[in-house]
PDB file of N, CA and C in Angstrom:
ATOM      1  N   UNK A   1     -39.491  64.268 -39.784  1.00  0.00           N
ATOM      2  CA  UNK A   1     -38.694  63.264 -40.450  1.00  0.00           C
ATOM      3  C   UNK A   1     -39.271  63.010 -41.832  1.00  0.00           C
ATOM      4  N   UNK A   2     -38.406  62.824 -42.769  1.00  0.00           N
ATOM      5  CA  UNK A   2     -38.807  62.653 -44.165  1.00  0.00           C
ATOM      6  C   UNK A   2     -39.207  61.209 -44.432  1.00  0.00           C
ATOM      7  N   UNK A   3     -40.164  61.034 -45.352  1.00  0.00           N
ATOM      8  CA  UNK A   3     -40.622  59.701 -45.716  1.00  0.00           C
ATOM      9  C   UNK A   3     -39.769  59.076 -46.817  1.00  0.00           C
ATOM     10  N   UNK A   4     -38.799  59.773 -47.328  1.00  0.00           N
ATOM     11  CA  UNK A   4     -37.978  59.215 -48.409  1.00  0.00           C
ATOM     12  C   UNK A   4     -37.008  58.193 -47.836  1.00  0.00           C
ATOM     13  N   UNK A   5     -36.873  57.054 -48.528  1.00  0.00           N
ATOM     14  CA  UNK A   5     -35.965  56.008 -48.019  1.00  0.00           C
ATOM     15  C   UNK A   5     -34.511  56.477 -48.095  1.00  0.00           C
ATOM     16  N   UNK A   6     -33.735  56.089 -47.088  1.00  0.00           N
ATOM     17  CA  UNK A   6     -32.329  56.460 -47.048  1.00  0.00           C
ATOM     18  C   UNK A   6     -31.514  55.441 -47.851  1.00  0.00           C
ATOM     19  N   UNK A   7     -30.433  55.892 -48.436  1.00  0.00           N
ATOM     20  CA  UNK A   7     -29.538  54.978 -49.146  1.00  0.00           C
ATOM     21  C   UNK A   7     -28.787  54.158 -48.107  1.00  0.00           C
ATOM     22  N   UNK A   8     -28.176  53.058 -48.572  1.00  0.00           N
ATOM     23  CA  UNK A   8     -27.411  52.219 -47.650  1.00  0.00           C
ATOM     24  C   UNK A   8     -26.308  53.016 -46.978  1.00  0.00           C
ATOM     25  N   UNK A   9     -25.667  53.883 -47.751  1.00  0.00           N
ATOM     26  CA  UNK A   9     -24.584  54.691 -47.197  1.00  0.00           C
ATOM     27  C   UNK A   9     -25.109  55.621 -46.103  1.00  0.00           C
ATOM     28  N   UNK A  10     -26.256  56.184 -46.328  1.00  0.00           N
ATOM     29  CA  UNK A  10     -26.841  57.094 -45.338  1.00  0.00           C
ATOM     30  C   UNK A  10     -27.223  56.335 -44.072  1.00  0.00           C
ATOM     31  N   UNK A  11     -27.694  55.104 -44.218  1.00  0.00           N
ATOM     32  CA  UNK A  11     -28.040  54.295 -43.049  1.00  0.00           C
ATOM     33  C   UNK A  11     -26.803  54.042 -42.202  1.00  0.00           C
ATOM     34  N   UNK A  12     -25.692  53.745 -42.853  1.00  0.00           N
ATOM     35  CA  UNK A  12     -24.444  53.497 -42.132  1.00  0.00           C
ATOM     36  C   UNK A  12     -23.996  54.757 -41.385  1.00  0.00           C
ATOM     37  N   UNK A  13     -24.194  55.876 -42.006  1.00  0.00           N
ATOM     38  CA  UNK A  13     -23.749  57.129 -41.388  1.00  0.00           C
ATOM     39  C   UNK A  13     -24.556  57.458 -40.136  1.00  0.00           C
ATOM     40  N   UNK A  14     -25.810  57.059 -40.111  1.00  0.00           N
ATOM     41  CA  UNK A  14     -26.656  57.409 -38.965  1.00  0.00           C
ATOM     42  C   UNK A  14     -26.727  56.302 -37.917  1.00  0.00           C
ATOM     43  N   UNK A  15     -26.251  55.117 -38.218  1.00  0.00           N
ATOM     44  CA  UNK A  15     -26.306  54.016 -37.259  1.00  0.00           C
ATOM     45  C   UNK A  15     -25.311  54.263 -36.127  1.00  0.00           C
ATOM     46  N   UNK A  16     -25.679  53.840 -34.924  1.00  0.00           N
ATOM     47  CA  UNK A  16     -24.746  53.983 -33.811  1.00  0.00           C
ATOM     48  C   UNK A  16     -23.466  53.186 -34.094  1.00  0.00           C
ATOM     49  N   UNK A  17     -22.352  53.661 -33.608  1.00  0.00           N
ATOM     50  CA  UNK A  17     -21.049  53.049 -33.868  1.00  0.00           C
ATOM     51  C   UNK A  17     -21.009  51.579 -33.446  1.00  0.00           C
ATOM     52  N   UNK A  18     -21.627  51.229 -32.344  1.00  0.00           N
ATOM     53  CA  UNK A  18     -21.603  49.847 -31.857  1.00  0.00           C
ATOM     54  C   UNK A  18     -22.264  48.904 -32.858  1.00  0.00           C
ATOM     55  N   UNK A  19     -23.337  49.355 -33.481  1.00  0.00           N
ATOM     56  CA  UNK A  19     -24.027  48.525 -34.474  1.00  0.00           C
ATOM     57  C   UNK A  19     -23.147  48.354 -35.703  1.00  0.00           C
ATOM     58  N   UNK A  20     -22.516  49.416 -36.142  1.00  0.00           N
ATOM     59  CA  UNK A  20     -21.630  49.350 -37.307  1.00  0.00           C
ATOM     60  C   UNK A  20     -20.489  48.373 -37.043  1.00  0.00           C
ATOM     61  N   UNK A  21     -19.883  48.483 -35.869  1.00  0.00           N
ATOM     62  CA  UNK A  21     -18.778  47.593 -35.513  1.00  0.00           C
ATOM     63  C   UNK A  21     -19.269  46.145 -35.435  1.00  0.00           C
ATOM     64  N   UNK A  22     -20.433  45.941 -34.837  1.00  0.00           N
ATOM     65  CA  UNK A  22     -20.998  44.585 -34.731  1.00  0.00           C
ATOM     66  C   UNK A  22     -21.238  43.981 -36.100  1.00  0.00           C
ATOM     67  N   UNK A  23     -21.804  44.748 -37.002  1.00  0.00           N
ATOM     68  CA  UNK A  23     -22.069  44.262 -38.365  1.00  0.00           C
ATOM     69  C   UNK A  23     -20.756  43.947 -39.068  1.00  0.00           C
ATOM     70  N   UNK A  24     -19.768  44.828 -38.909  1.00  0.00           N
ATOM     71  CA  UNK A  24     -18.465  44.627 -39.545  1.00  0.00           C
ATOM     72  C   UNK A  24     -17.837  43.311 -39.073  1.00  0.00           C
ATOM     73  N   UNK A  25     -17.821  43.085 -37.755  1.00  0.00           N
ATOM     74  CA  UNK A  25     -17.227  41.860 -37.240  1.00  0.00           C
ATOM     75  C   UNK A  25     -18.058  40.633 -37.588  1.00  0.00           C
ATOM     76  N   UNK A  26     -19.348  40.778 -37.672  1.00  0.00           N
ATOM     77  CA  UNK A  26     -20.197  39.657 -38.085  1.00  0.00           C
ATOM     78  C   UNK A  26     -19.864  39.242 -39.514  1.00  0.00           C
ATOM     79  N   UNK A  27     -19.607  40.221 -40.366  1.00  0.00           N
ATOM     80  CA  UNK A  27     -19.231  39.911 -41.744  1.00  0.00           C
ATOM     81  C   UNK A  27     -17.876  39.215 -41.809  1.00  0.00           C
ATOM     82  N   UNK A  28     -16.934  39.681 -40.991  1.00  0.00           N
ATOM     83  CA  UNK A  28     -15.616  39.028 -40.936  1.00  0.00           C
ATOM     84  C   UNK A  28     -15.756  37.582 -40.466  1.00  0.00           C
ATOM     85  N   UNK A  29     -16.534  37.398 -39.399  1.00  0.00           N
ATOM     86  CA  UNK A  29     -16.738  36.044 -38.874  1.00  0.00           C
ATOM     87  C   UNK A  29     -17.431  35.144 -39.893  1.00  0.00           C
ATOM     88  N   UNK A  30     -18.352  35.698 -40.650  1.00  0.00           N
ATOM     89  CA  UNK A  30     -19.050  34.929 -41.674  1.00  0.00           C
ATOM     90  C   UNK A  30     -18.067  34.442 -42.741  1.00  0.00           C
ATOM     91  N   UNK A  31     -17.153  35.331 -43.170  1.00  0.00           N
ATOM     92  CA  UNK A  31     -16.145  34.941 -44.169  1.00  0.00           C
ATOM     93  C   UNK A  31     -15.194  33.883 -43.598  1.00  0.00           C
ATOM     94  N   UNK A  32     -14.753  34.074 -42.350  1.00  0.00           N
ATOM     95  CA  UNK A  32     -13.869  33.099 -41.726  1.00  0.00           C
ATOM     96  C   UNK A  32     -14.565  31.750 -41.563  1.00  0.00           C
ATOM     97  N   UNK A  33     -15.824  31.796 -41.205  1.00  0.00           N
ATOM     98  CA  UNK A  33     -16.622  30.578 -41.056  1.00  0.00           C
ATOM     99  C   UNK A  33     -16.709  29.828 -42.385  1.00  0.00           C
ATOM    100  N   UNK A  34     -16.944  30.555 -43.456  1.00  0.00           N
ATOM    101  CA  UNK A  34     -17.026  29.938 -44.782  1.00  0.00           C
ATOM    102  C   UNK A  34     -15.691  29.304 -45.151  1.00  0.00           C
ATOM    103  N   UNK A  35     -14.588  29.990 -44.839  1.00  0.00           N
ATOM    104  CA  UNK A  35     -13.261  29.445 -45.138  1.00  0.00           C
ATOM    105  C   UNK A  35     -13.001  28.180 -44.323  1.00  0.00           C
ATOM    106  N   UNK A  36     -13.395  28.185 -43.060  1.00  0.00           N
ATOM    107  CA  UNK A  36     -13.212  27.005 -42.218  1.00  0.00           C
ATOM    108  C   UNK A  36     -14.071  25.835 -42.684  1.00  0.00           C
ATOM    109  N   UNK A  37     -15.291  26.126 -43.130  1.00  0.00           N
ATOM    110  CA  UNK A  37     -16.155  25.061 -43.659  1.00  0.00           C
ATOM    111  C   UNK A  37     -15.509  24.427 -44.889  1.00  0.00           C
ATOM    112  N   UNK A  38     -14.892  25.245 -45.747  1.00  0.00           N
ATOM    113  CA  UNK A  38     -14.221  24.727 -46.936  1.00  0.00           C
ATOM    114  C   UNK A  38     -13.008  23.877 -46.545  1.00  0.00           C
ATOM    115  N   UNK A  39     -12.244  24.335 -45.555  1.00  0.00           N
ATOM    116  CA  UNK A  39     -11.096  23.562 -45.090  1.00  0.00           C
ATOM    117  C   UNK A  39     -11.541  22.213 -44.529  1.00  0.00           C
ATOM    118  N   UNK A  40     -12.634  22.221 -43.777  1.00  0.00           N
ATOM    119  CA  UNK A  40     -13.161  20.980 -43.216  1.00  0.00           C
ATOM    120  C   UNK A  40     -13.604  20.038 -44.331  1.00  0.00           C
ATOM    121  N   UNK A  41     -14.241  20.589 -45.346  1.00  0.00           N
ATOM    122  CA  UNK A  41     -14.671  19.784 -46.491  1.00  0.00           C
ATOM    123  C   UNK A  41     -13.462  19.172 -47.195  1.00  0.00           C
ATOM    124  N   UNK A  42     -12.405  19.969 -47.384  1.00  0.00           N
ATOM    125  CA  UNK A  42     -11.187  19.477 -48.029  1.00  0.00           C
ATOM    126  C   UNK A  42     -10.524  18.382 -47.195  1.00  0.00           C
ATOM    127  N   UNK A  43     -10.461  18.605 -45.875  1.00  0.00           N
ATOM    128  CA  UNK A  43      -9.865  17.609 -44.981  1.00  0.00           C
ATOM    129  C   UNK A  43     -10.676  16.314 -44.989  1.00  0.00           C
ATOM    130  N   UNK A  44     -11.972  16.450 -45.024  1.00  0.00           N
ATOM    131  CA  UNK A  44     -12.843  15.277 -45.043  1.00  0.00           C
ATOM    132  C   UNK A  44     -12.618  14.468 -46.324  1.00  0.00           C
ATOM    133  N   UNK A  45     -12.476  15.152 -47.439  1.00  0.00           N
ATOM    134  CA  UNK A  45     -12.226  14.467 -48.711  1.00  0.00           C
ATOM    135  C   UNK A  45     -10.872  13.756 -48.673  1.00  0.00           C
ATOM    136  N   UNK A  46      -9.857  14.418 -48.107  1.00  0.00           N
ATOM    137  CA  UNK A  46      -8.532  13.809 -47.994  1.00  0.00           C
ATOM    138  C   UNK A  46      -8.584  12.594 -47.067  1.00  0.00           C
ATOM    139  N   UNK A  47      -9.333  12.705 -45.978  1.00  0.00           N
ATOM    140  CA  UNK A  47      -9.485  11.585 -45.050  1.00  0.00           C
ATOM    141  C   UNK A  47     -10.144  10.397 -45.746  1.00  0.00           C
ATOM    142  N   UNK A  48     -11.191  10.676 -46.529  1.00  0.00           N
ATOM    143  CA  UNK A  48     -11.882   9.600 -47.243  1.00  0.00           C
ATOM    144  C   UNK A  48     -10.939   8.882 -48.201  1.00  0.00           C
ATOM    145  N   UNK A  49     -10.083   9.641 -48.904  1.00  0.00           N
ATOM    146  CA  UNK A  49      -9.114   9.024 -49.822  1.00  0.00           C
ATOM    147  C   UNK A  49      -8.126   8.154 -49.056  1.00  0.00           C
ATOM    148  N   UNK A  50      -7.670   8.639 -47.912  1.00  0.00           N
ATOM    149  CA  UNK A  50      -6.731   7.865 -47.102  1.00  0.00           C
ATOM    150  C   UNK A  50      -7.391   6.597 -46.566  1.00  0.00           C
ATOM    151  N   UNK A  51      -8.667   6.687 -46.211  1.00  0.00           N
ATOM    152  CA  UNK A  51      -9.378   5.513 -45.702  1.00  0.00           C
ATOM    153  C   UNK A  51      -9.500   4.447 -46.784  1.00  0.00           C
ATOM    154  N   UNK A  52      -9.773   4.865 -48.016  1.00  0.00           N
ATOM    155  CA  UNK A  52      -9.856   3.920 -49.137  1.00  0.00           C
ATOM    156  C   UNK A  52      -8.507   3.233 -49.335  1.00  0.00           C
ATOM    157  N   UNK A  53      -7.421   4.017 -49.299  1.00  0.00           N
ATOM    158  CA  UNK A  53      -6.083   3.443 -49.460  1.00  0.00           C
ATOM    159  C   UNK A  53      -5.763   2.481 -48.320  1.00  0.00           C
ATOM    160  N   UNK A  54      -6.131   2.850 -47.099  1.00  0.00           N
ATOM    161  CA  UNK A  54      -5.896   1.979 -45.952  1.00  0.00           C
ATOM    162  C   UNK A  54      -6.670   0.671 -46.077  1.00  0.00           C
ATOM    163  N   UNK A  55      -7.926   0.757 -46.507  1.00  0.00           N
ATOM    164  CA  UNK A  55      -8.729  -0.455 -46.702  1.00  0.00           C
ATOM    165  C   UNK A  55      -8.100  -1.360 -47.760  1.00  0.00           C
ATOM    166  N   UNK A  56      -7.638  -0.749 -48.850  1.00  0.00           N
ATOM    167  CA  UNK A  56      -7.005  -1.515 -49.934  1.00  0.00           C
ATOM    168  C   UNK A  56      -5.730  -2.192 -49.417  1.00  0.00           C
ATOM    169  N   UNK A  57      -4.925  -1.458 -48.637  1.00  0.00           N
ATOM    170  CA  UNK A  57      -3.700  -2.038 -48.077  1.00  0.00           C
ATOM    171  C   UNK A  57      -4.011  -3.169 -47.108  1.00  0.00           C
ATOM    172  N   UNK A  58      -5.064  -3.022 -46.325  1.00  0.00           N
ATOM    173  CA  UNK A  58      -5.460  -4.072 -45.388  1.00  0.00           C
ATOM    174  C   UNK A  58      -5.860  -5.339 -46.131  1.00  0.00           C
ATOM    175  N   UNK A  59      -6.580  -5.172 -47.231  1.00  0.00           N
ATOM    176  CA  UNK A  59      -6.983  -6.332 -48.039  1.00  0.00           C
ATOM    177  C   UNK A  59      -5.760  -7.014 -48.647  1.00  0.00           C
ATOM    178  N   UNK A  60      -4.817  -6.218 -49.137  1.00  0.00           N
ATOM    179  CA  UNK A  60      -3.598  -6.783 -49.718  1.00  0.00           C
ATOM    180  C   UNK A  60      -2.782  -7.513 -48.657  1.00  0.00           C
ATOM    181  N   UNK A  61      -2.688  -6.927 -47.483  1.00  0.00           N
ATOM    182  CA  UNK A  61      -1.951  -7.555 -46.389  1.00  0.00           C
ATOM    183  C   UNK A  61      -2.595  -8.886 -45.994  1.00  0.00           C
ATOM    184  N   UNK A  62      -3.909  -8.915 -45.911  1.00  0.00           N
ATOM    185  CA  UNK A  62      -4.618 -10.151 -45.555  1.00  0.00           C
ATOM    186  C   UNK A  62      -4.389 -11.227 -46.612  1.00  0.00           C
ATOM    187  N   UNK A  63      -4.397 -10.841 -47.877  1.00  0.00           N
ATOM    188  CA  UNK A  63      -4.153 -11.807 -48.952  1.00  0.00           C
ATOM    189  C   UNK A  63      -2.734 -12.369 -48.872  1.00  0.00           C
ATOM    190  N   UNK A  64      -1.764 -11.510 -48.577  1.00  0.00           N
ATOM    191  CA  UNK A  64      -0.378 -11.978 -48.459  1.00  0.00           C
ATOM    192  C   UNK A  64      -0.206 -12.880 -47.246  1.00  0.00           C
ATOM    193  N   UNK A  65      -0.879 -12.537 -46.142  1.00  0.00           N
ATOM    194  CA  UNK A  65      -0.794 -13.380 -44.952  1.00  0.00           C
ATOM    195  C   UNK A  65      -1.422 -14.743 -45.229  1.00  0.00           C
ATOM    196  N   UNK A  66      -2.514 -14.772 -45.963  1.00  0.00           N
ATOM    197  CA  UNK A  66      -3.145 -16.047 -46.321  1.00  0.00           C
ATOM    198  C   UNK A  66      -2.197 -16.890 -47.167  1.00  0.00           C
ATOM    199  N   UNK A  67      -1.481 -16.247 -48.082  1.00  0.00           N
ATOM    200  CA  UNK A  67      -0.516 -16.961 -48.924  1.00  0.00           C
ATOM    201  C   UNK A  67       0.612 -17.538 -48.065  1.00  0.00           C
ATOM    202  N   UNK A  68       1.114 -16.749 -47.113  1.00  0.00           N
ATOM    203  CA  UNK A  68       2.162 -17.224 -46.202  1.00  0.00           C
ATOM    204  C   UNK A  68       1.667 -18.417 -45.397  1.00  0.00           C
ATOM    205  N   UNK A  69       0.450 -18.304 -44.876  1.00  0.00           N
ATOM    206  CA  UNK A  69      -0.120 -19.397 -44.081  1.00  0.00           C
ATOM    207  C   UNK A  69      -0.266 -20.664 -44.919  1.00  0.00           C
ATOM    208  N   UNK A  70      -0.715 -20.514 -46.154  1.00  0.00           N
ATOM    209  CA  UNK A  70      -0.888 -21.685 -47.033  1.00  0.00           C
ATOM    210  C   UNK A  70       0.460 -22.341 -47.329  1.00  0.00           C
ATOM    211  N   UNK A  71       1.470 -21.524 -47.601  1.00  0.00           N
ATOM    212  CA  UNK A  71       2.802 -22.079 -47.872  1.00  0.00           C
ATOM    213  C   UNK A  71       3.369 -22.770 -46.635  1.00  0.00           C
ATOM    214  N   UNK A  72       3.173 -22.169 -45.489  1.00  0.00           N
ATOM    215  CA  UNK A  72       3.650 -22.799 -44.258  1.00  0.00           C
ATOM    216  C   UNK A  72       2.916 -24.106 -44.000  1.00  0.00           C
ATOM    217  N   UNK A  73       1.609 -24.122 -44.238  1.00  0.00           N
ATOM    218  CA  UNK A  73       0.826 -25.330 -43.993  1.00  0.00           C
ATOM    219  C   UNK A  73       1.290 -26.454 -44.921  1.00  0.00           C
ATOM    220  N   UNK A  74       1.675 -26.075 -46.123  1.00  0.00           N
ATOM    221  CA  UNK A  74       2.134 -27.065 -47.113  1.00  0.00           C
ATOM    222  C   UNK A  74       3.548 -27.560 -46.799  1.00  0.00           C
ATOM    223  N   UNK A  75       4.448 -26.680 -46.421  1.00  0.00           N
ATOM    224  CA  UNK A  75       5.864 -27.039 -46.302  1.00  0.00           C
ATOM    225  C   UNK A  75       6.365 -27.253 -44.875  1.00  0.00           C
ATOM    226  N   UNK A  76       5.774 -26.609 -43.892  1.00  0.00           N
ATOM    227  CA  UNK A  76       6.266 -26.777 -42.516  1.00  0.00           C
ATOM    228  C   UNK A  76       5.140 -26.581 -41.501  1.00  0.00           C
ATOM    229  N   UNK A  77       4.099 -27.425 -41.579  1.00  0.00           N
ATOM    230  CA  UNK A  77       2.948 -27.248 -40.684  1.00  0.00           C
ATOM    231  C   UNK A  77       3.314 -27.386 -39.202  1.00  0.00           C
ATOM    232  N   UNK A  78       4.365 -28.136 -38.913  1.00  0.00           N
ATOM    233  CA  UNK A  78       4.761 -28.327 -37.514  1.00  0.00           C
ATOM    234  C   UNK A  78       5.296 -27.037 -36.883  1.00  0.00           C
ATOM    235  N   UNK A  79       5.690 -26.090 -37.703  1.00  0.00           N
ATOM    236  CA  UNK A  79       6.208 -24.817 -37.188  1.00  0.00           C
ATOM    237  C   UNK A  79       5.127 -23.739 -37.052  1.00  0.00           C
ATOM    238  N   UNK A  80       3.897 -24.073 -37.454  1.00  0.00           N
ATOM    239  CA  UNK A  80       2.814 -23.092 -37.387  1.00  0.00           C
ATOM    240  C   UNK A  80       2.253 -23.001 -35.971  1.00  0.00           C
ATOM    241  N   UNK A  81       1.891 -21.774 -35.577  1.00  0.00           N
ATOM    242  CA  UNK A  81       1.250 -21.581 -34.274  1.00  0.00           C
ATOM    243  C   UNK A  81      -0.233 -21.930 -34.396  1.00  0.00           C
ATOM    244  N   UNK A  82      -0.873 -22.084 -33.264  1.00  0.00           N
ATOM    245  CA  UNK A  82      -2.317 -22.366 -33.265  1.00  0.00           C
ATOM    246  C   UNK A  82      -3.073 -21.239 -33.965  1.00  0.00           C
ATOM    247  N   UNK A  83      -2.622 -20.022 -33.751  1.00  0.00           N
ATOM    248  CA  UNK A  83      -3.269 -18.859 -34.386  1.00  0.00           C
ATOM    249  C   UNK A  83      -3.144 -18.939 -35.915  1.00  0.00           C
ATOM    250  N   UNK A  84      -1.975 -19.319 -36.411  1.00  0.00           N
ATOM    251  CA  UNK A  84      -1.784 -19.439 -37.855  1.00  0.00           C
ATOM    252  C   UNK A  84      -2.658 -20.550 -38.443  1.00  0.00           C
ATOM    253  N   UNK A  85      -2.713 -21.659 -37.744  1.00  0.00           N
ATOM    254  CA  UNK A  85      -3.542 -22.776 -38.229  1.00  0.00           C
ATOM    255  C   UNK A  85      -5.013 -22.382 -38.235  1.00  0.00           C
ATOM    256  N   UNK A  86      -5.456 -21.721 -37.180  1.00  0.00           N
ATOM    257  CA  UNK A  86      -6.854 -21.271 -37.106  1.00  0.00           C
ATOM    258  C   UNK A  86      -7.160 -20.290 -38.235  1.00  0.00           C
ATOM    259  N   UNK A  87      -6.236 -19.360 -38.493  1.00  0.00           N
ATOM    260  CA  UNK A  87      -6.428 -18.383 -39.571  1.00  0.00           C
ATOM    261  C   UNK A  87      -6.445 -19.093 -40.931  1.00  0.00           C
ATOM    262  N   UNK A  88      -5.570 -20.077 -41.094  1.00  0.00           N
ATOM    263  CA  UNK A  88      -5.530 -20.832 -42.350  1.00  0.00           C
ATOM    264  C   UNK A  88      -6.857 -21.571 -42.558  1.00  0.00           C
ATOM    265  N   UNK A  89      -7.349 -22.246 -41.517  1.00  0.00           N
ATOM    266  CA  UNK A  89      -8.615 -22.982 -41.615  1.00  0.00           C
ATOM    267  C   UNK A  89      -9.773 -22.039 -41.940  1.00  0.00           C
ATOM    268  N   UNK A  90      -9.754 -20.862 -41.327  1.00  0.00           N
ATOM    269  CA  UNK A  90     -10.832 -19.885 -41.536  1.00  0.00           C
ATOM    270  C   UNK A  90     -10.936 -19.464 -43.004  1.00  0.00           C
ATOM    271  N   UNK A  91      -9.813 -19.421 -43.689  1.00  0.00           N
ATOM    272  CA  UNK A  91      -9.805 -18.931 -45.065  1.00  0.00           C
ATOM    273  C   UNK A  91      -9.928 -20.029 -46.121  1.00  0.00           C
ATOM    274  N   UNK A  92     -10.151 -21.266 -45.682  1.00  0.00           N
ATOM    275  CA  UNK A  92     -10.339 -22.346 -46.654  1.00  0.00           C
ATOM    276  C   UNK A  92     -11.743 -22.267 -47.235  1.00  0.00           C
ATOM    277  N   UNK A  93     -11.819 -22.431 -48.540  1.00  0.00           N
ATOM    278  CA  UNK A  93     -13.107 -22.355 -49.245  1.00  0.00           C
ATOM    279  C   UNK A  93     -13.324 -23.677 -49.965  1.00  0.00           C
ATOM    280  N   UNK A  94     -14.503 -24.238 -49.803  1.00  0.00           N
ATOM    281  CA  UNK A  94     -14.847 -25.466 -50.496  1.00  0.00           C
ATOM    282  C   UNK A  94     -15.316 -25.103 -51.900  1.00  0.00           C
ATOM    283  N   UNK A  95     -14.663 -25.685 -52.887  1.00  0.00           N
ATOM    284  CA  UNK A  95     -15.057 -25.430 -54.280  1.00  0.00           C
ATOM    285  C   UNK A  95     -15.979 -26.554 -54.729  1.00  0.00           C
ATOM    286  N   UNK A  96     -17.050 -26.139 -55.387  1.00  0.00           N
ATOM    287  CA  UNK A  96     -18.002 -27.129 -55.911  1.00  0.00           C
ATOM    288  C   UNK A  96     -17.466 -27.664 -57.229  1.00  0.00           C
ATOM    289  N   UNK A  97     -17.671 -28.965 -57.411  1.00  0.00           N
ATOM    290  CA  UNK A  97     -17.225 -29.584 -58.670  1.00  0.00           C
ATOM    291  C   UNK A  97     -18.195 -29.224 -59.782  1.00  0.00           C
ATOM    292  N   UNK A  98     -17.647 -29.027 -60.976  1.00  0.00           N
ATOM    293  CA  UNK A  98     -18.493 -28.750 -62.129  1.00  0.00           C
ATOM    294  C   UNK A  98     -19.020 -30.054 -62.672  1.00  0.00           C
ATOM    295  N   UNK A  99     -20.257 -30.037 -63.106  1.00  0.00           N
ATOM    296  CA  UNK A  99     -20.892 -31.263 -63.630  1.00  0.00           C
ATOM    297  C   UNK A  99     -20.846 -31.281 -65.125  1.00  0.00           C
TER     298      UNK A  99
END
């Protein structure tokens, strides 16, 4: 056997077929894995954006509900449920007087 190093092409030619096939499929799986990781990253970014929008909408909804509760408390408190009154009381803030 010769001591000269074989080229990559020569190594492929002498490797058993099963090894060549295994390497080929491993490379395919590696590329597919990379593509799936990128898709997961993209989906995660989209999910994060949707979560921010959902949080913002929840805050807006809570502010509007507080406004409704305040108007009801002012104009028709007798029609408010215990839950509405409790929610209204929870959102009352004591303001300090300026000196």
